[in-house]
Amino acid sequence: MSVFLQADFVDRIIEGGKYAILGFATVITVLAVICGILSIFGLVFGKKKETKPVATAVPEAPAEKVEVADDGAIVAAITAAISAILAQEAANENREPNGFRVVSFKRAGKNRK
């Protein structure tokens, strides 16, 4: 009787393996079809490649000389404003204000004096 049970078990395992392989094949086939559909959508609805005109080198004009004045008052005002804002934020958050160090200043505009 045990031989009969073993044969039945083996048949069930084989049947289950067939269904598993059939399921994997179905999933892979459906994924391949979806991939093909998306590729076709990409070809149909994709952006058209436009030819870009060839850029030619344009000689640059010499840079204007900007007179650098001593902006000590402006730098002091900016530093004081930053310090006041940081102190106010620190007071709102109930913590000690952190120090900061100004490393450099750069002008924002070309023709700014």
PDB file of N, CA and C in Angstrom:
ATOM      1  N   MET A   1       0.806  -1.186   0.000  1.00  0.00           N
ATOM      2  CA  MET A   1       0.000   0.000   0.000  1.00  0.00           C
ATOM      3  C   MET A   1       0.854   1.256   0.000  1.00  0.00           C
ATOM      4  N   SER A   2       2.014   1.206   0.609  1.00  0.00           N
ATOM      5  CA  SER A   2       2.881   2.365   0.640  1.00  0.00           C
ATOM      6  C   SER A   2       3.409   2.694  -0.755  1.00  0.00           C
ATOM      7  N   VAL A   3       3.582   1.707  -1.611  1.00  0.00           N
ATOM      8  CA  VAL A   3       4.024   1.944  -2.979  1.00  0.00           C
ATOM      9  C   VAL A   3       2.973   2.746  -3.728  1.00  0.00           C
ATOM     10  N   PHE A   4       1.704   2.456  -3.461  1.00  0.00           N
ATOM     11  CA  PHE A   4       0.613   3.170  -4.110  1.00  0.00           C
ATOM     12  C   PHE A   4       0.606   4.647  -3.683  1.00  0.00           C
ATOM     13  N   LEU A   5       0.856   4.920  -2.404  1.00  0.00           N
ATOM     14  CA  LEU A   5       0.878   6.294  -1.904  1.00  0.00           C
ATOM     15  C   LEU A   5       2.072   7.066  -2.474  1.00  0.00           C
ATOM     16  N   GLN A   6       3.206   6.396  -2.617  1.00  0.00           N
ATOM     17  CA  GLN A   6       4.381   7.070  -3.170  1.00  0.00           C
ATOM     18  C   GLN A   6       4.152   7.415  -4.636  1.00  0.00           C
ATOM     19  N   ALA A   7       3.557   6.527  -5.392  1.00  0.00           N
ATOM     20  CA  ALA A   7       3.293   6.792  -6.807  1.00  0.00           C
ATOM     21  C   ALA A   7       2.312   7.952  -6.950  1.00  0.00           C
ATOM     22  N   ASP A   8       1.297   7.982  -6.096  1.00  0.00           N
ATOM     23  CA  ASP A   8       0.323   9.072  -6.139  1.00  0.00           C
ATOM     24  C   ASP A   8       0.994  10.405  -5.801  1.00  0.00           C
ATOM     25  N   PHE A   9       1.886  10.393  -4.813  1.00  0.00           N
ATOM     26  CA  PHE A   9       2.610  11.612  -4.425  1.00  0.00           C
ATOM     27  C   PHE A   9       3.501  12.103  -5.557  1.00  0.00           C
ATOM     28  N   VAL A  10       4.221  11.204  -6.200  1.00  0.00           N
ATOM     29  CA  VAL A  10       5.107  11.568  -7.302  1.00  0.00           C
ATOM     30  C   VAL A  10       4.290  12.138  -8.458  1.00  0.00           C
ATOM     31  N   ASP A  11       3.138  11.551  -8.750  1.00  0.00           N
ATOM     32  CA  ASP A  11       2.288  12.066  -9.817  1.00  0.00           C
ATOM     33  C   ASP A  11       1.807  13.484  -9.499  1.00  0.00           C
ATOM     34  N   ARG A  12       1.481  13.723  -8.250  1.00  0.00           N
ATOM     35  CA  ARG A  12       1.044  15.070  -7.853  1.00  0.00           C
ATOM     36  C   ARG A  12       2.188  16.086  -7.990  1.00  0.00           C
ATOM     37  N   ILE A  13       3.388  15.690  -7.626  1.00  0.00           N
ATOM     38  CA  ILE A  13       4.543  16.580  -7.758  1.00  0.00           C
ATOM     39  C   ILE A  13       4.779  16.899  -9.235  1.00  0.00           C
ATOM     40  N   ILE A  14       4.704  15.904 -10.082  1.00  0.00           N
ATOM     41  CA  ILE A  14       4.915  16.121 -11.523  1.00  0.00           C
ATOM     42  C   ILE A  14       3.835  17.036 -12.074  1.00  0.00           C
ATOM     43  N   GLU A  15       2.598  16.795 -11.670  1.00  0.00           N
ATOM     44  CA  GLU A  15       1.491  17.644 -12.122  1.00  0.00           C
ATOM     45  C   GLU A  15       1.692  19.085 -11.647  1.00  0.00           C
ATOM     46  N   GLY A  16       2.108  19.261 -10.412  1.00  0.00           N
ATOM     47  CA  GLY A  16       2.379  20.607  -9.888  1.00  0.00           C
ATOM     48  C   GLY A  16       3.519  21.281 -10.628  1.00  0.00           C
ATOM     49  N   GLY A  17       4.554  20.538 -10.969  1.00  0.00           N
ATOM     50  CA  GLY A  17       5.667  21.102 -11.743  1.00  0.00           C
ATOM     51  C   GLY A  17       5.215  21.561 -13.114  1.00  0.00           C
ATOM     52  N   LYS A  18       4.314  20.782 -13.739  1.00  0.00           N
ATOM     53  CA  LYS A  18       3.781  21.187 -15.054  1.00  0.00           C
ATOM     54  C   LYS A  18       3.035  22.507 -14.946  1.00  0.00           C
ATOM     55  N   TYR A  19       2.197  22.642 -13.912  1.00  0.00           N
ATOM     56  CA  TYR A  19       1.451  23.888 -13.731  1.00  0.00           C
ATOM     57  C   TYR A  19       2.375  25.068 -13.406  1.00  0.00           C
ATOM     58  N   ALA A  20       3.421  24.810 -12.639  1.00  0.00           N
ATOM     59  CA  ALA A  20       4.373  25.882 -12.312  1.00  0.00           C
ATOM     60  C   ALA A  20       5.081  26.364 -13.570  1.00  0.00           C
ATOM     61  N   ILE A  21       5.534  25.423 -14.400  1.00  0.00           N
ATOM     62  CA  ILE A  21       6.213  25.801 -15.651  1.00  0.00           C
ATOM     63  C   ILE A  21       5.255  26.543 -16.570  1.00  0.00           C
ATOM     64  N   LEU A  22       3.994  26.072 -16.649  1.00  0.00           N
ATOM     65  CA  LEU A  22       2.994  26.740 -17.477  1.00  0.00           C
ATOM     66  C   LEU A  22       2.738  28.161 -16.953  1.00  0.00           C
ATOM     67  N   GLY A  23       2.692  28.339 -15.638  1.00  0.00           N
ATOM     68  CA  GLY A  23       2.489  29.670 -15.050  1.00  0.00           C
ATOM     69  C   GLY A  23       3.649  30.603 -15.342  1.00  0.00           C
ATOM     70  N   PHE A  24       4.887  30.105 -15.173  1.00  0.00           N
ATOM     71  CA  PHE A  24       6.061  30.934 -15.478  1.00  0.00           C
ATOM     72  C   PHE A  24       6.080  31.334 -16.943  1.00  0.00           C
ATOM     73  N   ALA A  25       5.768  30.397 -17.819  1.00  0.00           N
ATOM     74  CA  ALA A  25       5.758  30.693 -19.256  1.00  0.00           C
ATOM     75  C   ALA A  25       4.704  31.743 -19.586  1.00  0.00           C
ATOM     76  N   THR A  26       3.543  31.648 -18.934  1.00  0.00           N
ATOM     77  CA  THR A  26       2.480  32.634 -19.158  1.00  0.00           C
ATOM     78  C   THR A  26       2.928  34.020 -18.711  1.00  0.00           C
ATOM     79  N   VAL A  27       3.517  34.108 -17.550  1.00  0.00           N
ATOM     80  CA  VAL A  27       3.969  35.408 -17.029  1.00  0.00           C
ATOM     81  C   VAL A  27       5.036  36.008 -17.943  1.00  0.00           C
ATOM     82  N   ILE A  28       6.000  35.220 -18.356  1.00  0.00           N
ATOM     83  CA  ILE A  28       7.065  35.726 -19.220  1.00  0.00           C
ATOM     84  C   ILE A  28       6.502  36.169 -20.566  1.00  0.00           C
ATOM     85  N   THR A  29       5.540  35.422 -21.098  1.00  0.00           N
ATOM     86  CA  THR A  29       4.920  35.793 -22.374  1.00  0.00           C
ATOM     87  C   THR A  29       4.170  37.109 -22.250  1.00  0.00           C
ATOM     88  N   VAL A  30       3.401  37.269 -21.196  1.00  0.00           N
ATOM     89  CA  VAL A  30       2.663  38.517 -20.999  1.00  0.00           C
ATOM     90  C   VAL A  30       3.625  39.684 -20.820  1.00  0.00           C
ATOM     91  N   LEU A  31       4.687  39.504 -20.079  1.00  0.00           N
ATOM     92  CA  LEU A  31       5.673  40.580 -19.913  1.00  0.00           C
ATOM     93  C   LEU A  31       6.333  40.940 -21.241  1.00  0.00           C
ATOM     94  N   ALA A  32       6.617  39.955 -22.073  1.00  0.00           N
ATOM     95  CA  ALA A  32       7.202  40.223 -23.386  1.00  0.00           C
ATOM     96  C   ALA A  32       6.221  41.002 -24.259  1.00  0.00           C
ATOM     97  N   VAL A  33       4.933  40.670 -24.191  1.00  0.00           N
ATOM     98  CA  VAL A  33       3.923  41.403 -24.965  1.00  0.00           C
ATOM     99  C   VAL A  33       3.827  42.843 -24.476  1.00  0.00           C
ATOM    100  N   ILE A  34       3.820  43.056 -23.166  1.00  0.00           N
ATOM    101  CA  ILE A  34       3.765  44.422 -22.618  1.00  0.00           C
ATOM    102  C   ILE A  34       5.001  45.198 -23.040  1.00  0.00           C
ATOM    103  N   CYS A  35       6.161  44.591 -23.014  1.00  0.00           N
ATOM    104  CA  CYS A  35       7.405  45.246 -23.436  1.00  0.00           C
ATOM    105  C   CYS A  35       7.314  45.649 -24.905  1.00  0.00           C
ATOM    106  N   GLY A  36       6.776  44.767 -25.736  1.00  0.00           N
ATOM    107  CA  GLY A  36       6.614  45.083 -27.156  1.00  0.00           C
ATOM    108  C   GLY A  36       5.653  46.236 -27.374  1.00  0.00           C
ATOM    109  N   ILE A  37       4.548  46.249 -26.643  1.00  0.00           N
ATOM    110  CA  ILE A  37       3.573  47.339 -26.768  1.00  0.00           C
ATOM    111  C   ILE A  37       4.202  48.659 -26.356  1.00  0.00           C
ATOM    112  N   LEU A  38       4.950  48.674 -25.260  1.00  0.00           N
ATOM    113  CA  LEU A  38       5.600  49.911 -24.819  1.00  0.00           C
ATOM    114  C   LEU A  38       6.658  50.373 -25.813  1.00  0.00           C
ATOM    115  N   SER A  39       7.351  49.456 -26.437  1.00  0.00           N
ATOM    116  CA  SER A  39       8.329  49.834 -27.463  1.00  0.00           C
ATOM    117  C   SER A  39       7.643  50.480 -28.649  1.00  0.00           C
ATOM    118  N   ILE A  40       6.514  49.927 -29.053  1.00  0.00           N
ATOM    119  CA  ILE A  40       5.760  50.515 -30.165  1.00  0.00           C
ATOM    120  C   ILE A  40       5.254  51.901 -29.785  1.00  0.00           C
ATOM    121  N   PHE A  41       4.766  52.061 -28.548  1.00  0.00           N
ATOM    122  CA  PHE A  41       4.328  53.383 -28.089  1.00  0.00           C
ATOM    123  C   PHE A  41       5.481  54.380 -28.137  1.00  0.00           C
ATOM    124  N   GLY A  42       6.662  53.927 -27.747  1.00  0.00           N
ATOM    125  CA  GLY A  42       7.828  54.811 -27.775  1.00  0.00           C
ATOM    126  C   GLY A  42       8.161  55.253 -29.186  1.00  0.00           C
ATOM    127  N   LEU A  43       8.010  54.363 -30.157  1.00  0.00           N
ATOM    128  CA  LEU A  43       8.288  54.729 -31.549  1.00  0.00           C
ATOM    129  C   LEU A  43       7.217  55.659 -32.096  1.00  0.00           C
ATOM    130  N   VAL A  44       5.960  55.403 -31.750  1.00  0.00           N
ATOM    131  CA  VAL A  44       4.860  56.195 -32.299  1.00  0.00           C
ATOM    132  C   VAL A  44       4.768  57.556 -31.621  1.00  0.00           C
ATOM    133  N   PHE A  45       4.799  57.572 -30.302  1.00  0.00           N
ATOM    134  CA  PHE A  45       4.573  58.810 -29.557  1.00  0.00           C
ATOM    135  C   PHE A  45       5.858  59.459 -29.065  1.00  0.00           C
ATOM    136  N   GLY A  46       7.004  58.936 -29.404  1.00  0.00           N
ATOM    137  CA  GLY A  46       8.279  59.497 -28.946  1.00  0.00           C
ATOM    138  C   GLY A  46       8.546  60.844 -29.591  1.00  0.00           C
ATOM    139  N   LYS A  47       9.442  61.575 -28.979  1.00  0.00           N
ATOM    140  CA  LYS A  47       9.807  62.896 -29.508  1.00  0.00           C
ATOM    141  C   LYS A  47      10.588  62.730 -30.797  1.00  0.00           C
ATOM    142  N   LYS A  48      10.301  63.598 -31.715  1.00  0.00           N
ATOM    143  CA  LYS A  48      11.024  63.584 -32.981  1.00  0.00           C
ATOM    144  C   LYS A  48      12.396  64.204 -32.764  1.00  0.00           C
ATOM    145  N   LYS A  49      13.398  63.620 -33.358  1.00  0.00           N
ATOM    146  CA  LYS A  49      14.746  64.160 -33.237  1.00  0.00           C
ATOM    147  C   LYS A  49      14.882  65.328 -34.196  1.00  0.00           C
ATOM    148  N   GLU A  50      15.221  66.460 -33.617  1.00  0.00           N
ATOM    149  CA  GLU A  50      15.410  67.654 -34.432  1.00  0.00           C
ATOM    150  C   GLU A  50      16.896  67.834 -34.691  1.00  0.00           C
ATOM    151  N   THR A  51      17.193  68.261 -35.894  1.00  0.00           N
ATOM    152  CA  THR A  51      18.596  68.520 -36.207  1.00  0.00           C
ATOM    153  C   THR A  51      18.965  69.861 -35.598  1.00  0.00           C
ATOM    154  N   LYS A  52      20.040  69.865 -34.874  1.00  0.00           N
ATOM    155  CA  LYS A  52      20.498  71.084 -34.218  1.00  0.00           C
ATOM    156  C   LYS A  52      21.465  71.798 -35.146  1.00  0.00           C
ATOM    157  N   PRO A  53      21.332  73.113 -35.239  1.00  0.00           N
ATOM    158  CA  PRO A  53      22.291  73.841 -36.065  1.00  0.00           C
ATOM    159  C   PRO A  53      23.680  73.786 -35.436  1.00  0.00           C
ATOM    160  N   VAL A  54      24.661  73.761 -36.280  1.00  0.00           N
ATOM    161  CA  VAL A  54      26.035  73.683 -35.812  1.00  0.00           C
ATOM    162  C   VAL A  54      26.417  75.028 -35.209  1.00  0.00           C
ATOM    163  N   ALA A  55      26.917  74.984 -34.004  1.00  0.00           N
ATOM    164  CA  ALA A  55      27.309  76.210 -33.320  1.00  0.00           C
ATOM    165  C   ALA A  55      28.653  76.678 -33.866  1.00  0.00           C
ATOM    166  N   THR A  56      28.711  77.958 -34.159  1.00  0.00           N
ATOM    167  CA  THR A  56      29.965  78.528 -34.631  1.00  0.00           C
ATOM    168  C   THR A  56      30.593  79.300 -33.483  1.00  0.00           C
ATOM    169  N   ALA A  57      31.887  79.332 -33.465  1.00  0.00           N
ATOM    170  CA  ALA A  57      32.604  80.037 -32.402  1.00  0.00           C
ATOM    171  C   ALA A  57      32.488  81.535 -32.620  1.00  0.00           C
ATOM    172  N   VAL A  58      32.023  82.230 -31.612  1.00  0.00           N
ATOM    173  CA  VAL A  58      31.885  83.677 -31.666  1.00  0.00           C
ATOM    174  C   VAL A  58      32.979  84.264 -30.792  1.00  0.00           C
ATOM    175  N   PRO A  59      33.780  85.161 -31.358  1.00  0.00           N
ATOM    176  CA  PRO A  59      34.828  85.759 -30.524  1.00  0.00           C
ATOM    177  C   PRO A  59      34.198  86.609 -29.424  1.00  0.00           C
ATOM    178  N   GLU A  60      34.730  86.464 -28.227  1.00  0.00           N
ATOM    179  CA  GLU A  60      34.192  87.195 -27.096  1.00  0.00           C
ATOM    180  C   GLU A  60      34.764  88.604 -27.054  1.00  0.00           C
ATOM    181  N   ALA A  61      33.919  89.529 -26.641  1.00  0.00           N
ATOM    182  CA  ALA A  61      34.359  90.909 -26.481  1.00  0.00           C
ATOM    183  C   ALA A  61      35.199  90.993 -25.213  1.00  0.00           C
ATOM    184  N   PRO A  62      36.172  91.880 -25.193  1.00  0.00           N
ATOM    185  CA  PRO A  62      36.980  92.010 -23.974  1.00  0.00           C
ATOM    186  C   PRO A  62      36.103  92.455 -22.803  1.00  0.00           C
ATOM    187  N   ALA A  63      36.396  91.927 -21.647  1.00  0.00           N
ATOM    188  CA  ALA A  63      35.612  92.231 -20.452  1.00  0.00           C
ATOM    189  C   ALA A  63      35.838  93.675 -20.031  1.00  0.00           C
ATOM    190  N   GLU A  64      34.740  94.273 -19.535  1.00  0.00           N
ATOM    191  CA  GLU A  64      34.837  95.654 -19.061  1.00  0.00           C
ATOM    192  C   GLU A  64      35.548  95.684 -17.720  1.00  0.00           C
ATOM    193  N   LYS A  65      36.333  96.707 -17.530  1.00  0.00           N
ATOM    194  CA  LYS A  65      36.981  96.862 -16.234  1.00  0.00           C
ATOM    195  C   LYS A  65      36.005  97.544 -15.286  1.00  0.00           C
ATOM    196  N   VAL A  66      35.826  96.957 -14.132  1.00  0.00           N
ATOM    197  CA  VAL A  66      34.936  97.505 -13.130  1.00  0.00           C
ATOM    198  C   VAL A  66      35.795  98.039 -12.004  1.00  0.00           C
ATOM    199  N   GLU A  67      35.528  99.280 -11.661  1.00  0.00           N
ATOM    200  CA  GLU A  67      36.282  99.867 -10.566  1.00  0.00           C
ATOM    201  C   GLU A  67      35.789  99.270  -9.256  1.00  0.00           C
ATOM    202  N   VAL A  68      36.710  98.795  -8.466  1.00  0.00           N
ATOM    203  CA  VAL A  68      36.356  98.207  -7.187  1.00  0.00           C
ATOM    204  C   VAL A  68      36.555  99.268  -6.123  1.00  0.00           C
ATOM    205  N   ALA A  69      35.440  99.645  -5.535  1.00  0.00           N
ATOM    206  CA  ALA A  69      35.505 100.654  -4.483  1.00  0.00           C
ATOM    207  C   ALA A  69      35.512  99.944  -3.136  1.00  0.00           C
ATOM    208  N   ASP A  70      35.910 100.666  -2.111  1.00  0.00           N
ATOM    209  CA  ASP A  70      35.897 100.092  -0.779  1.00  0.00           C
ATOM    210  C   ASP A  70      34.455 100.052  -0.297  1.00  0.00           C
ATOM    211  N   ASP A  71      33.899  98.874  -0.256  1.00  0.00           N
ATOM    212  CA  ASP A  71      32.505  98.712   0.127  1.00  0.00           C
ATOM    213  C   ASP A  71      32.387  98.286   1.576  1.00  0.00           C
ATOM    214  N   GLY A  72      33.185  98.859   2.421  1.00  0.00           N
ATOM    215  CA  GLY A  72      33.182  98.479   3.825  1.00  0.00           C
ATOM    216  C   GLY A  72      31.838  98.680   4.499  1.00  0.00           C
ATOM    217  N   ALA A  73      31.162  99.771   4.150  1.00  0.00           N
ATOM    218  CA  ALA A  73      29.870 100.051   4.767  1.00  0.00           C
ATOM    219  C   ALA A  73      28.824  99.034   4.309  1.00  0.00           C
ATOM    220  N   ILE A  74      28.868  98.668   3.027  1.00  0.00           N
ATOM    221  CA  ILE A  74      27.912  97.690   2.500  1.00  0.00           C
ATOM    222  C   ILE A  74      28.163  96.325   3.129  1.00  0.00           C
ATOM    223  N   VAL A  75      29.429  95.950   3.214  1.00  0.00           N
ATOM    224  CA  VAL A  75      29.776  94.656   3.814  1.00  0.00           C
ATOM    225  C   VAL A  75      29.350  94.628   5.273  1.00  0.00           C
ATOM    226  N   ALA A  76      29.550  95.706   5.986  1.00  0.00           N
ATOM    227  CA  ALA A  76      29.156  95.762   7.394  1.00  0.00           C
ATOM    228  C   ALA A  76      27.643  95.654   7.542  1.00  0.00           C
ATOM    229  N   ALA A  77      26.898  96.306   6.651  1.00  0.00           N
ATOM    230  CA  ALA A  77      25.438  96.248   6.722  1.00  0.00           C
ATOM    231  C   ALA A  77      24.934  94.831   6.433  1.00  0.00           C
ATOM    232  N   ILE A  78      25.515  94.193   5.434  1.00  0.00           N
ATOM    233  CA  ILE A  78      25.104  92.824   5.103  1.00  0.00           C
ATOM    234  C   ILE A  78      25.435  91.880   6.248  1.00  0.00           C
ATOM    235  N   THR A  79      26.612  92.022   6.808  1.00  0.00           N
ATOM    236  CA  THR A  79      27.022  91.168   7.920  1.00  0.00           C
ATOM    237  C   THR A  79      26.110  91.376   9.125  1.00  0.00           C
ATOM    238  N   ALA A  80      25.756  92.606   9.417  1.00  0.00           N
ATOM    239  CA  ALA A  80      24.872  92.888  10.550  1.00  0.00           C
ATOM    240  C   ALA A  80      23.480  92.303  10.307  1.00  0.00           C
ATOM    241  N   ALA A  81      22.984  92.394   9.085  1.00  0.00           N
ATOM    242  CA  ALA A  81      21.663  91.844   8.779  1.00  0.00           C
ATOM    243  C   ALA A  81      21.657  90.324   8.927  1.00  0.00           C
ATOM    244  N   ILE A  82      22.683  89.673   8.437  1.00  0.00           N
ATOM    245  CA  ILE A  82      22.773  88.211   8.570  1.00  0.00           C
ATOM    246  C   ILE A  82      22.868  87.825  10.034  1.00  0.00           C
ATOM    247  N   SER A  83      23.659  88.555  10.787  1.00  0.00           N
ATOM    248  CA  SER A  83      23.817  88.267  12.211  1.00  0.00           C
ATOM    249  C   SER A  83      22.493  88.438  12.948  1.00  0.00           C
ATOM    250  N   ALA A  84      21.744  89.481  12.619  1.00  0.00           N
ATOM    251  CA  ALA A  84      20.459  89.721  13.279  1.00  0.00           C
ATOM    252  C   ALA A  84      19.458  88.613  12.942  1.00  0.00           C
ATOM    253  N   ILE A  85      19.431  88.185  11.714  1.00  0.00           N
ATOM    254  CA  ILE A  85      18.509  87.115  11.315  1.00  0.00           C
ATOM    255  C   ILE A  85      18.859  85.813  12.026  1.00  0.00           C
ATOM    256  N   LEU A  86      20.140  85.478  12.070  1.00  0.00           N
ATOM    257  CA  LEU A  86      20.556  84.241  12.740  1.00  0.00           C
ATOM    258  C   LEU A  86      20.266  84.296  14.234  1.00  0.00           C
ATOM    259  N   ALA A  87      20.450  85.470  14.861  1.00  0.00           N
ATOM    260  CA  ALA A  87      20.161  85.611  16.289  1.00  0.00           C
ATOM    261  C   ALA A  87      18.662  85.469  16.541  1.00  0.00           C
ATOM    262  N   GLN A  88      17.834  86.035  15.652  1.00  0.00           N
ATOM    263  CA  GLN A  88      16.386  85.937  15.806  1.00  0.00           C
ATOM    264  C   GLN A  88      15.920  84.485  15.645  1.00  0.00           C
ATOM    265  N   GLU A  89      16.463  83.778  14.664  1.00  0.00           N
ATOM    266  CA  GLU A  89      16.105  82.371  14.469  1.00  0.00           C
ATOM    267  C   GLU A  89      16.523  81.541  15.677  1.00  0.00           C
ATOM    268  N   ALA A  90      17.686  81.825  16.220  1.00  0.00           N
ATOM    269  CA  ALA A  90      18.156  81.093  17.391  1.00  0.00           C
ATOM    270  C   ALA A  90      17.255  81.367  18.596  1.00  0.00           C
ATOM    271  N   ALA A  91      16.799  82.613  18.741  1.00  0.00           N
ATOM    272  CA  ALA A  91      15.916  82.954  19.866  1.00  0.00           C
ATOM    273  C   ALA A  91      14.569  82.259  19.704  1.00  0.00           C
ATOM    274  N   ASN A  92      14.061  82.155  18.479  1.00  0.00           N
ATOM    275  CA  ASN A  92      12.783  81.482  18.240  1.00  0.00           C
ATOM    276  C   ASN A  92      12.875  79.989  18.534  1.00  0.00           C
ATOM    277  N   GLU A  93      14.045  79.407  18.342  1.00  0.00           N
ATOM    278  CA  GLU A  93      14.230  77.977  18.562  1.00  0.00           C
ATOM    279  C   GLU A  93      14.825  77.676  19.941  1.00  0.00           C
ATOM    280  N   ASN A  94      14.944  78.680  20.800  1.00  0.00           N
ATOM    281  CA  ASN A  94      15.481  78.533  22.155  1.00  0.00           C
ATOM    282  C   ASN A  94      16.853  77.866  22.160  1.00  0.00           C
ATOM    283  N   ARG A  95      17.756  78.389  21.382  1.00  0.00           N
ATOM    284  CA  ARG A  95      19.122  77.869  21.350  1.00  0.00           C
ATOM    285  C   ARG A  95      20.083  79.044  21.226  1.00  0.00           C
ATOM    286  N   GLU A  96      21.356  78.747  21.456  1.00  0.00           N
ATOM    287  CA  GLU A  96      22.389  79.775  21.353  1.00  0.00           C
ATOM    288  C   GLU A  96      22.666  80.085  19.887  1.00  0.00           C
ATOM    289  N   PRO A  97      22.868  81.342  19.546  1.00  0.00           N
ATOM    290  CA  PRO A  97      23.196  81.667  18.148  1.00  0.00           C
ATOM    291  C   PRO A  97      24.594  81.164  17.800  1.00  0.00           C
ATOM    292  N   ASN A  98      24.712  80.582  16.621  1.00  0.00           N
ATOM    293  CA  ASN A  98      26.006  80.105  16.137  1.00  0.00           C
ATOM    294  C   ASN A  98      26.732  81.240  15.442  1.00  0.00           C
ATOM    295  N   GLY A  99      28.021  81.268  15.586  1.00  0.00           N
ATOM    296  CA  GLY A  99      28.815  82.270  14.897  1.00  0.00           C
ATOM    297  C   GLY A  99      28.964  81.907  13.428  1.00  0.00           C
ATOM    298  N   PHE A 100      29.287  82.882  12.626  1.00  0.00           N
ATOM    299  CA  PHE A 100      29.542  82.620  11.218  1.00  0.00           C
ATOM    300  C   PHE A 100      30.700  83.476  10.769  1.00  0.00           C
ATOM    301  N   ARG A 101      31.286  83.090   9.661  1.00  0.00           N
ATOM    302  CA  ARG A 101      32.443  83.787   9.135  1.00  0.00           C
ATOM    303  C   ARG A 101      32.194  84.097   7.674  1.00  0.00           C
ATOM    304  N   VAL A 102      32.385  85.350   7.276  1.00  0.00           N
ATOM    305  CA  VAL A 102      32.232  85.750   5.883  1.00  0.00           C
ATOM    306  C   VAL A 102      33.535  85.422   5.177  1.00  0.00           C
ATOM    307  N   VAL A 103      33.437  84.604   4.118  1.00  0.00           N
ATOM    308  CA  VAL A 103      34.634  84.170   3.414  1.00  0.00           C
ATOM    309  C   VAL A 103      34.940  85.104   2.254  1.00  0.00           C
ATOM    310  N   SER A 104      33.909  85.381   1.431  1.00  0.00           N
ATOM    311  CA  SER A 104      34.149  86.265   0.293  1.00  0.00           C
ATOM    312  C   SER A 104      32.839  86.862  -0.182  1.00  0.00           C
ATOM    313  N   PHE A 105      32.964  87.948  -0.932  1.00  0.00           N
ATOM    314  CA  PHE A 105      31.824  88.594  -1.558  1.00  0.00           C
ATOM    315  C   PHE A 105      32.098  88.672  -3.039  1.00  0.00           C
ATOM    316  N   LYS A 106      31.063  88.429  -3.828  1.00  0.00           N
ATOM    317  CA  LYS A 106      31.191  88.560  -5.290  1.00  0.00           C
ATOM    318  C   LYS A 106      30.043  89.425  -5.783  1.00  0.00           C
ATOM    319  N   ARG A 107      30.317  90.231  -6.756  1.00  0.00           N
ATOM    320  CA  ARG A 107      29.280  91.082  -7.316  1.00  0.00           C
ATOM    321  C   ARG A 107      28.286  90.239  -8.106  1.00  0.00           C
ATOM    322  N   ALA A 108      27.018  90.640  -8.050  1.00  0.00           N
ATOM    323  CA  ALA A 108      25.962  89.861  -8.689  1.00  0.00           C
ATOM    324  C   ALA A 108      25.806  90.234 -10.159  1.00  0.00           C
ATOM    325  N   GLY A 109      25.904  91.485 -10.523  1.00  0.00           N
ATOM    326  CA  GLY A 109      25.653  91.909 -11.895  1.00  0.00           C
ATOM    327  C   GLY A 109      26.919  92.367 -12.594  1.00  0.00           C
ATOM    328  N   LYS A 110      26.853  92.433 -13.935  1.00  0.00           N
ATOM    329  CA  LYS A 110      28.020  92.874 -14.700  1.00  0.00           C
ATOM    330  C   LYS A 110      28.276  94.364 -14.534  1.00  0.00           C
ATOM    331  N   ASN A 111      27.220  95.163 -14.695  1.00  0.00           N
ATOM    332  CA  ASN A 111      27.386  96.622 -14.726  1.00  0.00           C
ATOM    333  C   ASN A 111      27.041  97.259 -13.400  1.00  0.00           C
ATOM    334  N   ARG A 112      27.104  96.525 -12.354  1.00  0.00           N
ATOM    335  CA  ARG A 112      26.761  97.047 -11.047  1.00  0.00           C
ATOM    336  C   ARG A 112      27.935  97.831 -10.482  1.00  0.00           C
ATOM    337  N   LYS A 113      27.656  99.007  -9.986  1.00  0.00           N
ATOM    338  CA  LYS A 113      28.739  99.843  -9.446  1.00  0.00           C
ATOM    339  C   LYS A 113      28.545 100.110  -7.989  1.00  0.00           C
TER     340      LYS A 113
END
